């Protein structure tokens, strides 16, 4: 998981450092990337699905290694791009993908870049939710931050299945949470950073202190902050704010929480193992007044739902048009839609709409589709067949 508030910055030429060292060896199953961009740059880019510079850069970086953009959440939340990438081999077992967004501030009608955006799904049968929040800024607004977070949790509800609320899932909560360091003045904070006495600052970090007093934070955990505060820097430098002289702070955070007790989901927290392997900042990037933060986790589930809902049969090599036929069968639990389709993807495809051709899988009892000659790609190379479920919003 990576979170980065980039403001109005244009993407750098290379962001591969955010995903290293594990992207090339394929040891990571899923990447979740949050880019918070200035709402004006989003408007300039028309905020169109898959067509903004940041999404394109992330796809260019990850798709050569077999990762597919599973979902992008940005609706109604100007300036937020929450991107979920997965190895393409896992796509049939990432189901029920849904997104939600909540604006906060003045009745939800203002502060377009403040609020929460989430993506939820079942991962091999287990409900997982990635929740980004951009909470109110400034030292004085601690209470407002907590109220907004509670409001986001209450408002975001998902349809179908037992996991309807955010806390019914394994939750990863991250973003520009805007918590500050209390009491110490800017000179004490900078001195502690320079002398690597970060534990002194942990004690006065608002989020750390709030964990013992705010019931809404119960169960949320975080790895140790062994990296310097990631805000606020002079753009283009590694120097903390010299213009407004704002105190450095750990505004950019990544936390997690197991499912709440009594959640109506057929798994048990005790049997689910979660390990955090890394929690770090990426100080080399200088395009923003924030530094990006990333964390790596592993989840070990007590069981896996790994039987595909749709199975397809086709000739492995297509030499002529009559070979371009696909048969499919459905699991008894699968609910068809007249908007389902079968697509041909080139190996290394970037997202679910990055197909070479598609055919509607219509008809209540239809179990076969054929591609016409004009639909077929002309390149002599390897392709992947995918069945897109409209109801489940996933391949």
Protein backbone atom coordinates (compact mmCIF):
# COMPACT_ATOMS: atom_id res chain seq x y z
CA UNK A 1 0.00 0.00 0.00
CA UNK A 2 1.38 3.42 -0.93
CA UNK A 3 -0.07 6.84 -0.10
CA UNK A 4 1.13 10.13 -1.53
CA UNK A 5 -0.39 13.60 -1.57
CA UNK A 6 1.16 15.09 -4.70
CA UNK A 7 -0.88 18.30 -4.88
CA UNK A 8 -0.73 19.85 -8.33
CA UNK A 9 2.54 18.15 -9.27
CA UNK A 10 3.06 16.53 -12.65
CA UNK A 11 4.17 12.89 -12.26
CA UNK A 12 7.91 12.21 -12.31
CA UNK A 13 9.35 10.08 -15.10
CA UNK A 14 9.86 7.10 -12.81
CA UNK A 15 7.90 5.90 -9.75
CA UNK A 16 9.25 2.35 -9.69
CA UNK A 17 10.96 3.05 -6.35
CA UNK A 18 7.50 3.05 -4.74
CA UNK A 19 7.06 -0.62 -5.68
CA UNK A 20 10.58 -1.98 -5.27
CA UNK A 21 12.16 -4.33 -4.47
CA UNK A 22 9.29 -6.79 -4.94
CA UNK A 23 7.61 -5.82 -8.20
CA UNK A 24 10.06 -7.54 -10.53
CA UNK A 25 10.13 -10.89 -8.72
CA UNK A 26 6.33 -11.10 -8.48
CA UNK A 27 6.37 -11.76 -4.74
CA UNK A 28 3.62 -9.18 -4.14
CA UNK A 29 0.07 -10.21 -5.04
CA UNK A 30 -1.58 -6.79 -4.89
CA UNK A 31 -0.57 -3.13 -4.98
CA UNK A 32 -2.88 -0.40 -3.66
CA UNK A 33 -1.81 3.14 -4.56
CA UNK A 34 -3.36 6.38 -3.42
CA UNK A 35 -2.56 9.55 -5.35
CA UNK A 36 -4.11 12.70 -3.93
CA UNK A 37 -3.94 15.40 -6.56
CA UNK A 38 -5.12 18.97 -6.65
CA UNK A 39 -8.74 19.15 -7.81
CA UNK A 40 -7.83 21.63 -10.56
CA UNK A 41 -5.34 19.26 -12.17
CA UNK A 42 -7.97 16.54 -12.05
CA UNK A 43 -10.39 18.80 -13.90
CA UNK A 44 -7.73 19.63 -16.43
CA UNK A 45 -7.27 15.92 -17.02
CA UNK A 46 -11.07 15.53 -17.30
CA UNK A 47 -10.94 13.02 -14.44
CA UNK A 48 -11.68 10.26 -16.94
CA UNK A 49 -11.31 6.61 -16.02
CA UNK A 50 -7.80 5.32 -16.77
CA UNK A 51 -6.84 8.47 -18.69
CA UNK A 52 -5.10 10.62 -16.10
CA UNK A 53 -1.32 10.87 -15.97
CA UNK A 54 -0.92 9.16 -12.60
CA UNK A 55 -3.00 6.10 -13.49
CA UNK A 56 -1.15 5.80 -16.80
CA UNK A 57 2.24 5.99 -15.08
CA UNK A 58 1.30 3.32 -12.52
CA UNK A 59 -0.04 1.05 -15.26
CA UNK A 60 3.10 1.58 -17.35
CA UNK A 61 5.18 0.59 -14.31
CA UNK A 62 3.21 -2.46 -13.15
CA UNK A 63 1.57 -4.04 -16.20
CA UNK A 64 4.86 -5.35 -17.70
CA UNK A 65 5.17 -7.53 -14.58
CA UNK A 66 1.69 -9.04 -14.91
CA UNK A 67 -0.31 -6.66 -12.69
CA UNK A 68 -3.74 -5.48 -13.82
CA UNK A 69 -5.61 -2.41 -12.62
CA UNK A 70 -8.55 -4.05 -10.90
CA UNK A 71 -10.37 -0.92 -9.80
CA UNK A 72 -10.00 2.84 -9.64
CA UNK A 73 -12.06 4.85 -7.18
CA UNK A 74 -12.39 8.56 -7.79
CA UNK A 75 -16.07 9.28 -8.23
CA UNK A 76 -17.41 12.46 -6.64
CA UNK A 77 -14.13 12.97 -4.77
CA UNK A 78 -12.16 15.54 -6.71
CA UNK A 79 -8.45 14.97 -6.49
CA UNK A 80 -8.41 11.37 -5.23
CA UNK A 81 -7.22 8.36 -7.21
CA UNK A 82 -7.32 5.07 -5.33
CA UNK A 83 -5.82 2.41 -7.61
CA UNK A 84 -5.94 -1.33 -6.89
CA UNK A 85 -3.65 -3.60 -8.91
CA UNK A 86 -3.56 -7.39 -8.76
CA UNK A 87 -1.67 -10.19 -10.43
CA UNK A 88 -3.91 -11.20 -13.31
CA UNK A 89 -4.01 -14.85 -12.15
CA UNK A 90 -5.88 -13.75 -8.99
CA UNK A 91 -8.63 -11.84 -10.81
CA UNK A 92 -11.23 -14.68 -10.79
CA UNK A 93 -11.01 -14.80 -6.98
CA UNK A 94 -11.31 -11.05 -6.30
CA UNK A 95 -15.07 -10.60 -6.33
CA UNK A 96 -17.84 -8.21 -5.39
CA UNK A 97 -15.71 -5.13 -6.08
CA UNK A 98 -17.48 -1.97 -4.92
CA UNK A 99 -16.44 1.62 -4.30
CA UNK A 100 -17.82 4.29 -2.01
CA UNK A 101 -16.99 7.93 -1.43
CA UNK A 102 -17.94 10.43 1.26
CA UNK A 103 -17.38 14.16 1.22
CA UNK A 104 -16.92 16.00 4.47
CA UNK A 105 -17.02 19.70 5.38
CA UNK A 106 -20.03 22.04 5.34
CA UNK A 107 -22.63 19.31 4.98
CA UNK A 108 -20.60 17.42 2.43
CA UNK A 109 -20.95 20.19 -0.14
CA UNK A 110 -17.52 21.76 0.11
CA UNK A 111 -13.87 20.77 0.54
CA UNK A 112 -13.98 18.41 -2.43
CA UNK A 113 -10.62 16.87 -1.57
CA UNK A 114 -11.58 16.12 2.07
CA UNK A 115 -13.42 12.97 2.94
CA UNK A 116 -13.07 9.25 2.26
CA UNK A 117 -12.89 6.88 -0.69
CA UNK A 118 -12.94 3.11 -0.40
CA UNK A 119 -12.65 -0.03 -2.47
CA UNK A 120 -13.98 -3.29 -1.02
CA UNK A 121 -13.97 -6.85 -2.35
CA UNK A 122 -13.78 -10.44 -1.25
CA UNK A 123 -10.26 -11.85 -1.60
CA UNK A 124 -10.43 -15.65 -1.95
CA UNK A 125 -13.68 -15.46 0.02
CA UNK A 126 -12.60 -12.98 2.71
CA UNK A 127 -13.90 -9.38 2.89
CA UNK A 128 -11.15 -6.75 2.58
CA UNK A 129 -11.61 -2.98 2.41
CA UNK A 130 -9.07 -0.31 1.44
CA UNK A 131 -10.17 3.01 2.94
CA UNK A 132 -8.50 6.29 2.10
CA UNK A 133 -9.27 9.38 4.15
CA UNK A 134 -8.15 12.95 3.68
CA UNK A 135 -8.99 14.59 7.00
CA UNK A 136 -9.06 18.30 7.96
CA UNK A 137 -5.71 20.05 8.33
CA UNK A 138 -4.13 22.17 11.11
CA UNK A 139 -3.23 21.47 14.72
CA UNK A 140 -6.51 22.78 16.13
CA UNK A 141 -8.78 20.43 14.17
CA UNK A 142 -8.12 17.15 15.99
CA UNK A 143 -11.74 16.85 17.11
CA UNK A 144 -12.99 17.55 13.60
CA UNK A 145 -10.68 14.88 12.20
CA UNK A 146 -12.16 12.31 14.57
CA UNK A 147 -15.73 13.39 13.80
CA UNK A 148 -15.11 13.19 10.06
CA UNK A 149 -13.56 9.72 10.35
CA UNK A 150 -16.53 8.46 12.36
CA UNK A 151 -18.93 9.99 9.83
CA UNK A 152 -17.10 8.28 6.94
CA UNK A 153 -17.31 4.90 8.68
CA UNK A 154 -21.04 5.35 9.32
CA UNK A 155 -21.93 6.54 5.82
CA UNK A 156 -20.00 4.03 3.76
CA UNK A 157 -22.20 0.96 3.32
CA UNK A 158 -21.88 -1.79 0.72
CA UNK A 159 -24.56 -3.86 -0.98
CA UNK A 160 -24.96 -7.62 -0.87
CA UNK A 161 -23.21 -10.16 1.27
CA UNK A 162 -22.68 -10.14 5.02
CA UNK A 163 -19.94 -7.47 5.06
CA UNK A 164 -21.96 -4.27 4.61
CA UNK A 165 -19.96 -1.83 6.76
CA UNK A 166 -16.31 -0.89 6.52
CA UNK A 167 -15.52 -2.53 9.87
CA UNK A 168 -17.06 -5.82 8.72
CA UNK A 169 -13.91 -6.19 6.61
CA UNK A 170 -10.23 -6.50 7.21
CA UNK A 171 -9.56 -2.76 6.85
CA UNK A 172 -6.50 -0.93 5.63
CA UNK A 173 -6.91 2.77 6.48
CA UNK A 174 -4.49 5.25 4.97
CA UNK A 175 -4.03 8.67 3.43
CA UNK A 176 -3.28 12.25 4.42
CA UNK A 177 -4.83 11.91 7.87
CA UNK A 178 -3.36 15.27 8.93
CA UNK A 179 -2.56 14.40 12.56
CA UNK A 180 0.08 16.72 14.06
CA UNK A 181 2.69 16.78 16.83
CA UNK A 182 1.45 18.65 19.89
CA UNK A 183 3.19 20.75 22.57
CA UNK A 184 6.73 20.86 21.17
CA UNK A 185 7.66 23.94 19.16
CA UNK A 186 9.17 23.69 15.68
CA UNK A 187 12.75 23.92 16.95
CA UNK A 188 12.32 20.99 19.34
CA UNK A 189 10.68 18.91 16.60
CA UNK A 190 13.42 19.62 14.06
CA UNK A 191 16.13 18.97 16.65
CA UNK A 192 14.57 15.61 17.51
CA UNK A 193 14.48 14.72 13.81
CA UNK A 194 18.09 15.79 13.23
CA UNK A 195 19.31 13.79 16.24
CA UNK A 196 17.13 10.78 15.32
CA UNK A 197 15.17 10.93 18.58
CA UNK A 198 11.87 10.10 16.91
CA UNK A 199 10.38 8.26 19.95
CA UNK A 200 10.28 11.64 21.69
CA UNK A 201 7.88 12.84 18.98
CA UNK A 202 5.79 9.65 18.93
CA UNK A 203 4.58 10.47 22.44
CA UNK A 204 3.02 13.75 21.29
CA UNK A 205 1.70 12.54 17.94
CA UNK A 206 -2.04 13.24 17.95
CA UNK A 207 -3.00 9.92 16.37
CA UNK A 208 -0.94 7.90 18.85
CA UNK A 209 -2.48 9.79 21.76
CA UNK A 210 -6.01 9.50 20.38
CA UNK A 211 -5.81 5.70 20.22
CA UNK A 212 -6.15 5.55 24.02
CA UNK A 213 -9.07 7.99 24.24
CA UNK A 214 -11.15 7.68 21.05
CA UNK A 215 -13.38 4.60 20.88
CA UNK A 216 -13.68 4.90 17.10
CA UNK A 217 -9.96 4.04 16.86
CA UNK A 218 -10.30 0.84 18.88
CA UNK A 219 -8.63 -2.05 17.09
CA UNK A 220 -6.68 0.08 14.61
CA UNK A 221 -2.97 -0.76 14.63
CA UNK A 222 0.10 0.82 13.07
CA UNK A 223 3.71 -0.12 12.68
CA UNK A 224 6.42 1.96 14.38
CA UNK A 225 7.16 5.35 12.80
CA UNK A 226 10.88 4.77 12.22
CA UNK A 227 11.01 7.31 9.39
CA UNK A 228 11.07 11.12 9.80
CA UNK A 229 7.83 13.13 9.49
CA UNK A 230 6.73 13.28 5.86
CA UNK A 231 5.21 16.79 5.89
CA UNK A 232 5.83 19.68 5.18
CA UNK A 233 8.76 20.11 2.77
CA UNK A 234 9.81 22.85 0.40
CA UNK A 235 8.93 21.48 -3.02
CA UNK A 236 11.98 20.29 -4.92
CA UNK A 237 14.07 19.87 -1.76
CA UNK A 238 14.58 17.71 1.32
CA UNK A 239 14.20 20.78 3.55
CA UNK A 240 11.28 21.21 5.92
CA UNK A 241 9.00 24.20 5.32
CA UNK A 242 10.95 27.46 5.34
CA UNK A 243 8.15 29.73 4.05
CA UNK A 244 5.26 29.19 6.47
CA UNK A 245 7.48 27.40 9.00
CA UNK A 246 4.91 24.75 9.77
CA UNK A 247 5.93 22.04 12.20
CA UNK A 248 6.91 18.74 10.59
CA UNK A 249 4.36 15.99 11.19
CA UNK A 250 3.48 12.42 10.29
CA UNK A 251 0.38 13.37 8.33
CA UNK A 252 0.67 10.43 5.90
CA UNK A 253 -0.21 7.14 7.58
CA UNK A 254 -1.16 3.51 6.94
CA UNK A 255 -3.08 1.55 9.59
CA UNK A 256 -5.02 -1.72 9.66
CA UNK A 257 -7.78 -3.39 11.60
CA UNK A 258 -9.18 -6.92 11.74
CA UNK A 259 -12.93 -7.44 11.47
CA UNK A 260 -15.00 -6.22 14.37
CA UNK A 261 -16.20 -8.79 16.89
CA UNK A 262 -19.59 -10.21 16.01
CA UNK A 263 -19.30 -9.31 12.34
CA UNK A 264 -21.62 -11.65 10.37
CA UNK A 265 -18.83 -13.09 8.22
CA UNK A 266 -17.97 -16.82 8.14
CA UNK A 267 -14.36 -16.43 9.31
CA UNK A 268 -12.65 -15.91 12.64
CA UNK A 269 -10.12 -13.23 13.50
CA UNK A 270 -8.11 -15.71 15.56
CA UNK A 271 -7.48 -17.82 12.48
CA UNK A 272 -6.50 -14.90 10.25
CA UNK A 273 -2.83 -13.97 10.44
CA UNK A 274 -1.63 -10.53 9.49
CA UNK A 275 2.03 -9.56 9.32
CA UNK A 276 3.52 -6.17 8.49
CA UNK A 277 6.84 -6.55 6.71
CA UNK A 278 7.69 -2.91 6.02
CA UNK A 279 6.59 0.63 6.84
CA UNK A 280 8.69 3.38 5.32
CA UNK A 281 8.83 6.73 3.61
CA UNK A 282 10.36 7.45 0.23
CA UNK A 283 12.36 10.58 0.90
CA UNK A 284 14.03 10.78 -2.52
CA UNK A 285 10.87 12.15 -4.19
CA UNK A 286 10.73 15.96 -4.14
CA UNK A 287 7.82 16.94 -6.42
CA UNK A 288 5.45 17.54 -3.49
CA UNK A 289 5.48 19.03 0.01
CA UNK A 290 4.61 15.48 1.18
CA UNK A 291 6.85 12.43 0.95
CA UNK A 292 5.18 9.17 -0.09
CA UNK A 293 4.72 6.43 2.51
CA UNK A 294 4.37 2.71 1.83
CA UNK A 295 3.75 -0.45 3.81
CA UNK A 296 3.81 -4.14 2.94
CA UNK A 297 1.54 -6.70 4.59
CA UNK A 298 0.79 -10.38 4.27
CA UNK A 299 -2.58 -11.92 5.07
CA UNK A 300 -2.86 -15.64 5.75
CA UNK A 301 -6.48 -16.77 5.59
CA UNK A 302 -7.86 -19.86 7.37
CA UNK A 303 -9.44 -21.07 4.09
CA UNK A 304 -9.53 -20.09 0.45
CA UNK A 305 -12.44 -19.82 -1.96
CA UNK A 306 -10.51 -20.68 -5.11
CA UNK A 307 -13.02 -22.38 -7.41
CA UNK A 308 -13.79 -20.17 -10.43
CA UNK A 309 -17.40 -19.11 -10.97
CA UNK A 310 -16.99 -19.39 -14.73
CA UNK A 311 -14.90 -21.92 -16.61
CA UNK A 312 -14.03 -21.40 -20.27
CA UNK A 313 -12.94 -23.85 -22.91
CA UNK A 314 -11.28 -22.89 -26.17
CA UNK A 315 -8.64 -24.13 -28.58
CA UNK A 316 -5.22 -23.12 -27.37
CA UNK A 317 -4.22 -22.00 -30.86
CA UNK A 318 -6.43 -20.15 -33.31
CA UNK A 319 -5.43 -20.55 -36.95
CA UNK A 320 -8.73 -19.73 -38.65
CA UNK A 321 -11.97 -17.94 -37.82
CA UNK A 322 -13.79 -21.16 -36.95
CA UNK A 323 -11.28 -21.68 -34.10
CA UNK A 324 -12.39 -18.43 -32.46
CA UNK A 325 -15.12 -19.99 -30.36
CA UNK A 326 -15.36 -20.09 -26.57
CA UNK A 327 -17.54 -22.37 -24.46
CA UNK A 328 -18.24 -21.57 -20.82
CA UNK A 329 -19.98 -23.11 -17.85
CA UNK A 330 -21.16 -21.46 -14.65
CA UNK A 331 -21.07 -22.41 -11.01
CA UNK A 332 -24.57 -22.81 -9.55
CA UNK A 333 -24.06 -19.73 -7.37
CA UNK A 334 -23.20 -17.45 -10.29
CA UNK A 335 -25.79 -14.81 -11.22
CA UNK A 336 -25.63 -13.90 -14.89
CA UNK A 337 -26.26 -10.51 -16.40
CA UNK A 338 -27.16 -9.54 -19.95
CA UNK A 339 -24.19 -7.16 -19.69
CA UNK A 340 -21.59 -9.94 -19.15
CA UNK A 341 -19.00 -10.33 -21.88
CA UNK A 342 -16.08 -12.47 -23.03
CA UNK A 343 -12.93 -10.61 -24.06
CA UNK A 344 -9.58 -11.30 -25.66
CA UNK A 345 -6.70 -9.65 -23.78
CA UNK A 346 -3.10 -9.43 -24.88
CA UNK A 347 -0.64 -10.83 -22.32
CA UNK A 348 0.41 -7.85 -20.20
CA UNK A 349 -2.98 -6.09 -20.42
CA UNK A 350 -3.43 -3.07 -18.16
CA UNK A 351 -7.07 -3.05 -16.98
CA UNK A 352 -10.36 -4.83 -17.61
CA UNK A 353 -11.28 -2.58 -20.55
CA UNK A 354 -7.88 -3.03 -22.20
CA UNK A 355 -9.21 -5.77 -24.48
CA UNK A 356 -8.43 -6.52 -28.12
CA UNK A 357 -12.02 -7.62 -28.77
CA UNK A 358 -15.13 -8.63 -26.85
CA UNK A 359 -18.43 -10.42 -27.44
CA UNK A 360 -21.56 -10.13 -25.31
CA UNK A 361 -22.34 -13.33 -23.42
CA UNK A 362 -26.09 -12.90 -23.78
CA UNK A 363 -28.87 -15.43 -23.63
CA UNK A 364 -30.18 -17.10 -20.53
CA UNK A 365 -28.99 -20.56 -21.55
CA UNK A 366 -26.22 -19.59 -23.94
CA UNK A 367 -22.92 -21.27 -23.15
CA UNK A 368 -20.87 -20.34 -26.20
CA UNK A 369 -19.71 -17.26 -28.09
CA UNK A 370 -17.77 -16.80 -31.32
CA UNK A 371 -15.60 -13.94 -32.48
CA UNK A 372 -16.00 -12.63 -36.02
CA UNK A 373 -13.09 -12.26 -38.37
CA UNK A 374 -13.09 -8.47 -38.13
CA UNK A 375 -12.93 -8.70 -34.31
CA UNK A 376 -9.86 -10.89 -34.17
CA UNK A 377 -6.46 -9.31 -33.44
CA UNK A 378 -3.93 -9.61 -36.25
CA UNK A 379 -0.77 -9.97 -34.16
CA UNK A 380 0.73 -13.43 -33.89
CA UNK A 381 1.25 -13.56 -30.12
CA UNK A 382 -0.23 -14.86 -26.89
CA UNK A 383 -3.58 -13.75 -25.52
CA UNK A 384 -5.75 -14.37 -22.47
CA UNK A 385 -9.49 -14.99 -22.45
CA UNK A 386 -11.46 -13.21 -19.74
CA UNK A 387 -15.13 -13.40 -18.72
CA UNK A 388 -16.33 -10.09 -17.28
CA UNK A 389 -19.13 -10.21 -14.70
CA UNK A 390 -21.19 -7.04 -14.69
CA UNK A 391 -22.86 -7.89 -11.37
CA UNK A 392 -19.54 -8.53 -9.62
CA UNK A 393 -17.68 -5.74 -11.42
CA UNK A 394 -14.71 -8.03 -12.01
CA UNK A 395 -13.17 -10.56 -14.38
